[in-house]
C-alpha atoms as a PDB file:
ATOM      1  CA  UNK A   1     -65.384  56.582 -42.104  1.00  0.00           C
ATOM      2  CA  UNK A   2     -65.768  57.662 -38.536  1.00  0.00           C
ATOM      3  CA  UNK A   3     -63.702  57.949 -35.299  1.00  0.00           C
ATOM      4  CA  UNK A   4     -66.284  55.168 -34.455  1.00  0.00           C
ATOM      5  CA  UNK A   5     -65.886  52.827 -36.968  1.00  0.00           C
ATOM      6  CA  UNK A   6     -61.902  52.957 -36.706  1.00  0.00           C
ATOM      7  CA  UNK A   7     -62.329  52.326 -32.712  1.00  0.00           C
ATOM      8  CA  UNK A   8     -64.533  48.929 -34.020  1.00  0.00           C
ATOM      9  CA  UNK A   9     -61.876  48.093 -36.452  1.00  0.00           C
ATOM     10  CA  UNK A  10     -59.239  48.526 -33.879  1.00  0.00           C
ATOM     11  CA  UNK A  11     -61.073  46.078 -31.292  1.00  0.00           C
ATOM     12  CA  UNK A  12     -61.752  43.701 -33.542  1.00  0.00           C
ATOM     13  CA  UNK A  13     -58.319  43.334 -34.769  1.00  0.00           C
ATOM     14  CA  UNK A  14     -57.246  43.457 -31.481  1.00  0.00           C
ATOM     15  CA  UNK A  15     -59.919  40.431 -30.162  1.00  0.00           C
ATOM     16  CA  UNK A  16     -58.626  38.529 -33.205  1.00  0.00           C
ATOM     17  CA  UNK A  17     -55.146  38.223 -32.704  1.00  0.00           C
ATOM     18  CA  UNK A  18     -55.755  37.731 -29.356  1.00  0.00           C
ATOM     19  CA  UNK A  19     -57.773  35.087 -29.812  1.00  0.00           C
ATOM     20  CA  UNK A  20     -55.114  33.474 -32.404  1.00  0.00           C
ATOM     21  CA  UNK A  21     -52.557  34.039 -29.610  1.00  0.00           C
ATOM     22  CA  UNK A  22     -54.518  31.830 -27.084  1.00  0.00           C
ATOM     23  CA  UNK A  23     -54.877  29.147 -29.770  1.00  0.00           C
ATOM     24  CA  UNK A  24     -50.846  28.980 -30.884  1.00  0.00           C
ATOM     25  CA  UNK A  25     -50.002  28.668 -26.846  1.00  0.00           C
ATOM     26  CA  UNK A  26     -53.199  26.679 -25.731  1.00  0.00           C
ATOM     27  CA  UNK A  27     -52.209  22.805 -25.290  1.00  0.00           C
ATOM     28  CA  UNK A  28     -52.097  20.115 -27.993  1.00  0.00           C
ATOM     29  CA  UNK A  29     -51.390  22.837 -30.736  1.00  0.00           C
ATOM     30  CA  UNK A  30     -48.196  22.614 -32.397  1.00  0.00           C
ATOM     31  CA  UNK A  31     -46.219  25.580 -32.270  1.00  0.00           C
ATOM     32  CA  UNK A  32     -47.237  25.396 -28.433  1.00  0.00           C
ATOM     33  CA  UNK A  33     -45.541  21.925 -28.148  1.00  0.00           C
ATOM     34  CA  UNK A  34     -42.206  23.656 -30.030  1.00  0.00           C
ATOM     35  CA  UNK A  35     -42.197  26.510 -28.056  1.00  0.00           C
ATOM     36  CA  UNK A  36     -42.555  23.780 -24.804  1.00  0.00           C
ATOM     37  CA  UNK A  37     -39.633  22.103 -25.885  1.00  0.00           C
ATOM     38  CA  UNK A  38     -37.769  24.644 -26.579  1.00  0.00           C
ATOM     39  CA  UNK A  39     -37.980  26.056 -23.200  1.00  0.00           C
ATOM     40  CA  UNK A  40     -37.550  22.519 -21.938  1.00  0.00           C
ATOM     41  CA  UNK A  41     -34.020  22.651 -24.091  1.00  0.00           C
ATOM     42  CA  UNK A  42     -32.664  25.325 -22.741  1.00  0.00           C
ATOM     43  CA  UNK A  43     -33.639  24.782 -19.234  1.00  0.00           C
ATOM     44  CA  UNK A  44     -31.400  21.691 -19.353  1.00  0.00           C
ATOM     45  CA  UNK A  45     -28.435  24.179 -20.092  1.00  0.00           C
ATOM     46  CA  UNK A  46     -27.461  24.948 -16.771  1.00  0.00           C
ATOM     47  CA  UNK A  47     -27.882  21.303 -15.659  1.00  0.00           C
ATOM     48  CA  UNK A  48     -25.051  20.398 -18.137  1.00  0.00           C
ATOM     49  CA  UNK A  49     -22.142  21.622 -15.770  1.00  0.00           C
ATOM     50  CA  UNK A  50     -23.503  19.530 -12.806  1.00  0.00           C
ATOM     51  CA  UNK A  51     -24.240  16.429 -14.347  1.00  0.00           C
ATOM     52  CA  UNK A  52     -20.564  16.228 -16.399  1.00  0.00           C
ATOM     53  CA  UNK A  53     -19.032  17.408 -12.274  1.00  0.00           C
ATOM     54  CA  UNK A  54     -21.219  14.366 -11.070  1.00  0.00           C
ATOM     55  CA  UNK A  55     -19.744  12.078 -13.840  1.00  0.00           C
ATOM     56  CA  UNK A  56     -16.675  12.811 -13.200  1.00  0.00           C
ATOM     57  CA  UNK A  57     -16.464  12.269  -9.783  1.00  0.00           C
ATOM     58  CA  UNK A  58     -18.319   8.622 -10.274  1.00  0.00           C
ATOM     59  CA  UNK A  59     -15.189   7.684 -12.294  1.00  0.00           C
ATOM     60  CA  UNK A  60     -12.691   9.324 -10.659  1.00  0.00           C
ATOM     61  CA  UNK A  61     -14.111   7.235  -7.296  1.00  0.00           C
ATOM     62  CA  UNK A  62     -14.237   4.009  -9.626  1.00  0.00           C
ATOM     63  CA  UNK A  63     -10.881   4.427 -10.697  1.00  0.00           C
ATOM     64  CA  UNK A  64      -9.531   4.902  -7.137  1.00  0.00           C
ATOM     65  CA  UNK A  65     -11.256   2.043  -5.735  1.00  0.00           C
ATOM     66  CA  UNK A  66     -10.243  -0.056  -8.199  1.00  0.00           C
ATOM     67  CA  UNK A  67      -6.531   1.061  -8.243  1.00  0.00           C
ATOM     68  CA  UNK A  68      -6.643   0.779  -4.429  1.00  0.00           C
ATOM     69  CA  UNK A  69      -7.702  -3.023  -4.581  1.00  0.00           C
ATOM     70  CA  UNK A  70      -4.918  -3.593  -7.527  1.00  0.00           C
ATOM     71  CA  UNK A  71      -2.790  -2.248  -4.939  1.00  0.00           C
ATOM     72  CA  UNK A  72      -3.913  -4.657  -2.160  1.00  0.00           C
ATOM     73  CA  UNK A  73      -4.152  -7.539  -4.199  1.00  0.00           C
ATOM     74  CA  UNK A  74      -0.497  -7.018  -5.549  1.00  0.00           C
ATOM     75  CA  UNK A  75       0.748  -6.247  -2.191  1.00  0.00           C
ATOM     76  CA  UNK A  76      -0.781  -9.469  -1.260  1.00  0.00           C
ATOM     77  CA  UNK A  77       0.846 -11.691  -3.446  1.00  0.00           C
ATOM     78  CA  UNK A  78       4.324 -10.424  -2.947  1.00  0.00           C
ATOM     79  CA  UNK A  79       4.010 -11.402   0.285  1.00  0.00           C
ATOM     80  CA  UNK A  80       2.798 -14.802  -0.166  1.00  0.00           C
ATOM     81  CA  UNK A  81       5.689 -15.252  -2.791  1.00  0.00           C
ATOM     82  CA  UNK A  82       8.115 -14.609  -0.021  1.00  0.00           C
ATOM     83  CA  UNK A  83       6.855 -17.623   1.736  1.00  0.00           C
ATOM     84  CA  UNK A  84       6.402 -19.547  -1.050  1.00  0.00           C
ATOM     85  CA  UNK A  85      10.309 -18.833  -1.881  1.00  0.00           C
ATOM     86  CA  UNK A  86      11.228 -19.931   1.655  1.00  0.00           C
ATOM     87  CA  UNK A  87       9.686 -23.578   1.041  1.00  0.00           C
ATOM     88  CA  UNK A  88      12.907 -23.912  -1.106  1.00  0.00           C
ATOM     89  CA  UNK A  89      14.625 -23.861   2.007  1.00  0.00           C
ATOM     90  CA  UNK A  90      17.003 -26.401   1.861  1.00  0.00           C
ATOM     91  CA  UNK A  91      20.109 -26.092   4.195  1.00  0.00           C
ATOM     92  CA  UNK A  92      20.355 -24.421   7.494  1.00  0.00           C
ATOM     93  CA  UNK A  93      24.117 -24.046   7.972  1.00  0.00           C
ATOM     94  CA  UNK A  94      24.415 -20.286   8.855  1.00  0.00           C
ATOM     95  CA  UNK A  95      27.703 -19.502  10.203  1.00  0.00           C
ATOM     96  CA  UNK A  96      29.855 -22.589   8.586  1.00  0.00           C
ATOM     97  CA  UNK A  97      30.335 -20.836   4.781  1.00  0.00           C
ATOM     98  CA  UNK A  98      29.552 -16.996   5.554  1.00  0.00           C
ATOM     99  CA  UNK A  99      31.961 -14.375   6.103  1.00  0.00           C
ATOM    100  CA  UNK A 100      31.446 -11.063   7.924  1.00  0.00           C
ATOM    101  CA  UNK A 101      32.476  -6.957   7.441  1.00  0.00           C
ATOM    102  CA  UNK A 102      32.394  -5.114  10.706  1.00  0.00           C
ATOM    103  CA  UNK A 103      31.190  -1.418  10.950  1.00  0.00           C
ATOM    104  CA  UNK A 104      29.560   0.690  12.328  1.00  0.00           C
ATOM    105  CA  UNK A 105      25.990   2.728  12.235  1.00  0.00           C
ATOM    106  CA  UNK A 106      27.080   6.279  11.458  1.00  0.00           C
ATOM    107  CA  UNK A 107      23.452   8.013  10.990  1.00  0.00           C
ATOM    108  CA  UNK A 108      19.874   7.200  12.283  1.00  0.00           C
ATOM    109  CA  UNK A 109      17.881   9.808  11.146  1.00  0.00           C
ATOM    110  CA  UNK A 110      14.652  10.375  13.827  1.00  0.00           C
ATOM    111  CA  UNK A 111      12.071  10.526  11.531  1.00  0.00           C
ATOM    112  CA  UNK A 112      13.137   7.264  10.023  1.00  0.00           C
ATOM    113  CA  UNK A 113      14.518   5.557  13.794  1.00  0.00           C
ATOM    114  CA  UNK A 114      12.660   2.201  13.585  1.00  0.00           C
ATOM    115  CA  UNK A 115      13.359   1.984   9.343  1.00  0.00           C
ATOM    116  CA  UNK A 116      16.842   2.778   8.320  1.00  0.00           C
ATOM    117  CA  UNK A 117      20.567   3.639   9.354  1.00  0.00           C
ATOM    118  CA  UNK A 118      23.628   4.359   7.352  1.00  0.00           C
ATOM    119  CA  UNK A 119      26.456   2.148   8.282  1.00  0.00           C
ATOM    120  CA  UNK A 120      30.253   2.907   7.524  1.00  0.00           C
ATOM    121  CA  UNK A 121      30.540   0.132   4.813  1.00  0.00           C
ATOM    122  CA  UNK A 122      30.007   0.377   1.261  1.00  0.00           C
ATOM    123  CA  UNK A 123      30.719  -0.902  -2.773  1.00  0.00           C
ATOM    124  CA  UNK A 124      34.808  -0.761  -1.394  1.00  0.00           C
ATOM    125  CA  UNK A 125      34.439  -3.486   0.878  1.00  0.00           C
ATOM    126  CA  UNK A 126      32.216  -5.539  -1.225  1.00  0.00           C
ATOM    127  CA  UNK A 127      28.440  -4.626   0.146  1.00  0.00           C
ATOM    128  CA  UNK A 128      25.462  -5.461  -1.767  1.00  0.00           C
ATOM    129  CA  UNK A 129      21.980  -4.796  -1.433  1.00  0.00           C
ATOM    130  CA  UNK A 130      20.164  -7.654   0.117  1.00  0.00           C
ATOM    131  CA  UNK A 131      23.156  -8.518   2.396  1.00  0.00           C
ATOM    132  CA  UNK A 132      22.323 -10.020   5.959  1.00  0.00           C
ATOM    133  CA  UNK A 133      23.264  -7.153   9.023  1.00  0.00           C
ATOM    134  CA  UNK A 134      23.165  -8.664  12.437  1.00  0.00           C
ATOM    135  CA  UNK A 135      24.009  -7.435  15.981  1.00  0.00           C
ATOM    136  CA  UNK A 136      25.779  -9.935  18.252  1.00  0.00           C
ATOM    137  CA  UNK A 137      24.410 -12.710  15.879  1.00  0.00           C
ATOM    138  CA  UNK A 138      20.774 -11.485  15.747  1.00  0.00           C
ATOM    139  CA  UNK A 139      19.816  -9.838  12.815  1.00  0.00           C
ATOM    140  CA  UNK A 140      18.805  -6.439  12.178  1.00  0.00           C
ATOM    141  CA  UNK A 141      17.706  -5.739   8.873  1.00  0.00           C
ATOM    142  CA  UNK A 142      19.276  -6.164   5.058  1.00  0.00           C
ATOM    143  CA  UNK A 143      20.994  -3.719   3.148  1.00  0.00           C
ATOM    144  CA  UNK A 144      18.876  -1.652   1.012  1.00  0.00           C
ATOM    145  CA  UNK A 145      21.174   0.339  -0.875  1.00  0.00           C
ATOM    146  CA  UNK A 146      24.632   0.831  -1.515  1.00  0.00           C
ATOM    147  CA  UNK A 147      27.446   4.168  -1.856  1.00  0.00           C
ATOM    148  CA  UNK A 148      31.022   3.834  -2.576  1.00  0.00           C
ATOM    149  CA  UNK A 149      31.596   4.178   1.502  1.00  0.00           C
ATOM    150  CA  UNK A 150      28.740   3.791   3.211  1.00  0.00           C
ATOM    151  CA  UNK A 151      25.694   1.720   2.909  1.00  0.00           C
ATOM    152  CA  UNK A 152      21.576   2.226   4.321  1.00  0.00           C
ATOM    153  CA  UNK A 153      20.071  -0.478   6.236  1.00  0.00           C
ATOM    154  CA  UNK A 154      16.667  -1.441   6.728  1.00  0.00           C
ATOM    155  CA  UNK A 155      15.855  -2.393   9.935  1.00  0.00           C
ATOM    156  CA  UNK A 156      13.230  -5.334  10.668  1.00  0.00           C
ATOM    157  CA  UNK A 157      11.051  -2.798  12.430  1.00  0.00           C
ATOM    158  CA  UNK A 158      10.422  -1.266   9.160  1.00  0.00           C
ATOM    159  CA  UNK A 159       7.133  -1.158   7.956  1.00  0.00           C
ATOM    160  CA  UNK A 160       8.215  -1.882   4.792  1.00  0.00           C
ATOM    161  CA  UNK A 161      10.369  -5.069   5.396  1.00  0.00           C
ATOM    162  CA  UNK A 162       9.499  -8.244   4.910  1.00  0.00           C
ATOM    163  CA  UNK A 163      11.591 -11.150   5.969  1.00  0.00           C
ATOM    164  CA  UNK A 164      10.477 -14.900   5.006  1.00  0.00           C
ATOM    165  CA  UNK A 165      11.348 -16.740   8.534  1.00  0.00           C
ATOM    166  CA  UNK A 166      10.794 -20.179   9.726  1.00  0.00           C
ATOM    167  CA  UNK A 167       9.935 -21.443  13.466  1.00  0.00           C
ATOM    168  CA  UNK A 168      12.369 -23.445  14.675  1.00  0.00           C
ATOM    169  CA  UNK A 169       9.975 -25.670  16.946  1.00  0.00           C
ATOM    170  CA  UNK A 170       7.579 -26.280  14.422  1.00  0.00           C
ATOM    171  CA  UNK A 171       9.346 -25.746  11.321  1.00  0.00           C
ATOM    172  CA  UNK A 172       6.326 -23.077  10.111  1.00  0.00           C
ATOM    173  CA  UNK A 173       7.099 -20.764   7.544  1.00  0.00           C
ATOM    174  CA  UNK A 174       5.978 -17.228   8.347  1.00  0.00           C
ATOM    175  CA  UNK A 175       6.540 -13.929   7.107  1.00  0.00           C
ATOM    176  CA  UNK A 176       8.449 -10.846   9.159  1.00  0.00           C
ATOM    177  CA  UNK A 177       7.006  -7.203   9.365  1.00  0.00           C
ATOM    178  CA  UNK A 178       7.793  -4.085  11.461  1.00  0.00           C
ATOM    179  CA  UNK A 179       4.948  -1.497  12.240  1.00  0.00           C
ATOM    180  CA  UNK A 180       7.746   1.345  11.845  1.00  0.00           C
ATOM    181  CA  UNK A 181       7.469   1.922  15.564  1.00  0.00           C
ATOM    182  CA  UNK A 182       9.754  -0.081  16.964  1.00  0.00           C
ATOM    183  CA  UNK A 183       6.927  -3.778  16.844  1.00  0.00           C
ATOM    184  CA  UNK A 184       7.254  -6.410  14.768  1.00  0.00           C
ATOM    185  CA  UNK A 185       4.760  -8.935  14.027  1.00  0.00           C
ATOM    186  CA  UNK A 186       4.665 -12.468  12.533  1.00  0.00           C
ATOM    187  CA  UNK A 187       2.489 -13.147   9.721  1.00  0.00           C
ATOM    188  CA  UNK A 188       0.686 -15.975   7.693  1.00  0.00           C
ATOM    189  CA  UNK A 189       0.390 -18.722  10.565  1.00  0.00           C
ATOM    190  CA  UNK A 190      -2.498 -20.394  10.041  1.00  0.00           C
ATOM    191  CA  UNK A 191      -5.034 -19.819  13.148  1.00  0.00           C
ATOM    192  CA  UNK A 192      -5.036 -23.854  13.424  1.00  0.00           C
ATOM    193  CA  UNK A 193      -0.845 -23.425  13.934  1.00  0.00           C
ATOM    194  CA  UNK A 194      -0.778 -22.420  17.532  1.00  0.00           C
ATOM    195  CA  UNK A 195       2.534 -21.063  18.513  1.00  0.00           C
ATOM    196  CA  UNK A 196       3.869 -21.114  22.048  1.00  0.00           C
ATOM    197  CA  UNK A 197       5.756 -17.995  23.513  1.00  0.00           C
ATOM    198  CA  UNK A 198       9.603 -18.641  23.639  1.00  0.00           C
ATOM    199  CA  UNK A 199       9.395 -20.262  19.948  1.00  0.00           C
ATOM    200  CA  UNK A 200      12.595 -19.226  17.986  1.00  0.00           C
ATOM    201  CA  UNK A 201      12.028 -17.875  14.826  1.00  0.00           C
ATOM    202  CA  UNK A 202      15.109 -17.281  12.522  1.00  0.00           C
ATOM    203  CA  UNK A 203      15.594 -16.531   8.437  1.00  0.00           C
ATOM    204  CA  UNK A 204      14.287 -19.082   5.596  1.00  0.00           C
ATOM    205  CA  UNK A 205      16.261 -19.030   2.492  1.00  0.00           C
ATOM    206  CA  UNK A 206      15.283 -16.793   0.301  1.00  0.00           C
ATOM    207  CA  UNK A 207      18.051 -15.446  -2.009  1.00  0.00           C
ATOM    208  CA  UNK A 208      21.804 -16.697  -1.581  1.00  0.00           C
ATOM    209  CA  UNK A 209      22.556 -13.649  -0.267  1.00  0.00           C
ATOM    210  CA  UNK A 210      20.174 -13.991   2.912  1.00  0.00           C
ATOM    211  CA  UNK A 211      21.629 -17.361   4.504  1.00  0.00           C
ATOM    212  CA  UNK A 212      18.976 -19.369   6.741  1.00  0.00           C
ATOM    213  CA  UNK A 213      19.146 -19.926  10.563  1.00  0.00           C
ATOM    214  CA  UNK A 214      19.805 -16.147  11.205  1.00  0.00           C
ATOM    215  CA  UNK A 215      18.265 -15.815  14.677  1.00  0.00           C
ATOM    216  CA  UNK A 216      15.584 -13.193  14.561  1.00  0.00           C
ATOM    217  CA  UNK A 217      13.559 -13.161  18.229  1.00  0.00           C
ATOM    218  CA  UNK A 218      10.891 -15.397  20.107  1.00  0.00           C
ATOM    219  CA  UNK A 219       7.109 -15.490  19.895  1.00  0.00           C
ATOM    220  CA  UNK A 220       5.971 -13.157  23.125  1.00  0.00           C
ATOM    221  CA  UNK A 221       2.484 -13.493  22.417  1.00  0.00           C
ATOM    222  CA  UNK A 222      -0.662 -13.956  19.954  1.00  0.00           C
ATOM    223  CA  UNK A 223      -2.279 -10.772  18.013  1.00  0.00           C
ATOM    224  CA  UNK A 224      -5.120 -10.824  15.879  1.00  0.00           C
ATOM    225  CA  UNK A 225      -6.526 -13.042  13.370  1.00  0.00           C
ATOM    226  CA  UNK A 226      -6.612 -11.681   9.919  1.00  0.00           C
ATOM    227  CA  UNK A 227      -8.306 -13.297   6.961  1.00  0.00           C
ATOM    228  CA  UNK A 228      -7.585 -17.474   8.610  1.00  0.00           C
ATOM    229  CA  UNK A 229      -4.026 -16.263   9.819  1.00  0.00           C
ATOM    230  CA  UNK A 230      -3.179 -15.422  13.408  1.00  0.00           C
ATOM    231  CA  UNK A 231      -0.250 -12.849  13.880  1.00  0.00           C
ATOM    232  CA  UNK A 232       2.345 -13.155  17.063  1.00  0.00           C
ATOM    233  CA  UNK A 233       4.032 -10.264  18.086  1.00  0.00           C
ATOM    234  CA  UNK A 234       8.088 -11.185  18.098  1.00  0.00           C
ATOM    235  CA  UNK A 235      10.298 -10.311  20.454  1.00  0.00           C
ATOM    236  CA  UNK A 236      13.583  -9.252  18.669  1.00  0.00           C
ATOM    237  CA  UNK A 237      17.339 -11.034  20.276  1.00  0.00           C
ATOM    238  CA  UNK A 238      18.991  -7.489  18.757  1.00  0.00           C
ATOM    239  CA  UNK A 239      18.693  -4.989  20.710  1.00  0.00           C
ATOM    240  CA  UNK A 240      17.623  -1.666  18.184  1.00  0.00           C
ATOM    241  CA  UNK A 241      17.646   0.603  20.954  1.00  0.00           C
ATOM    242  CA  UNK A 242      21.670   0.445  21.006  1.00  0.00           C
ATOM    243  CA  UNK A 243      22.410  -0.006  17.629  1.00  0.00           C
ATOM    244  CA  UNK A 244      26.107   1.043  17.205  1.00  0.00           C
ATOM    245  CA  UNK A 245      28.439  -1.972  16.105  1.00  0.00           C
ATOM    246  CA  UNK A 246      27.292  -4.275  13.362  1.00  0.00           C
ATOM    247  CA  UNK A 247      28.241  -7.162  11.443  1.00  0.00           C
ATOM    248  CA  UNK A 248      27.264  -7.471   7.185  1.00  0.00           C
ATOM    249  CA  UNK A 249      26.957 -11.352   6.241  1.00  0.00           C
ATOM    250  CA  UNK A 250      29.369 -11.130   2.761  1.00  0.00           C
ATOM    251  CA  UNK A 251      29.908 -14.784   2.376  1.00  0.00           C
ATOM    252  CA  UNK A 252      27.024 -15.638   1.014  1.00  0.00           C
ATOM    253  CA  UNK A 253      27.117 -17.652  -2.574  1.00  0.00           C
ATOM    254  CA  UNK A 254      26.255 -15.125  -5.655  1.00  0.00           C
END
């Protein structure tokens, strides 16, 4: 066979191979479908980390939202529980059976100025957590923790302090809460109950360590409405800006 015949065979085989390749990759052919499936699977690999990250972020956000809602619900239930416990108030015998232990403020951290103070009376003097601390007969806070010769008092202006109280003139119950910056608010008074400026607020019975009837302050004015309840700003009887000599009420029944 000459060179001319060889060239013809090469051209023929090349044309045949090219035709077979075109047939293999043409739409609808089985090899073409398998090839496209393989390409599609390979193309999904770079997307996998992004999808996993997105799903993780979505789950994290959902968990955080659920946890926040649960905490808010627990906080609300705890406050309402304080009010319900205040409904058990049966007497206002403040001062008739309550002993006191006089002490002095020895430390008031600037970073928590409106939250807590330390006094020079502790476990040796019979001080226990939950006991009321007064200045000139007016409530300034509750003992939060006790050491051998000293105690810490959480002030009524602390944002984490919740004290069941009663409006003396109407006998309406509520909860006192500070804002951490020197202000105190009366909460959980229904909007249909109109409290007037000057009305007195005192402690309601919540434990044997906190006698009912301890003066706290007076209503200064109405605040915003939240969930069907009206906030009222309270002017304290005690002067927390000049807090030095205090008395711990130690005579509550155990």
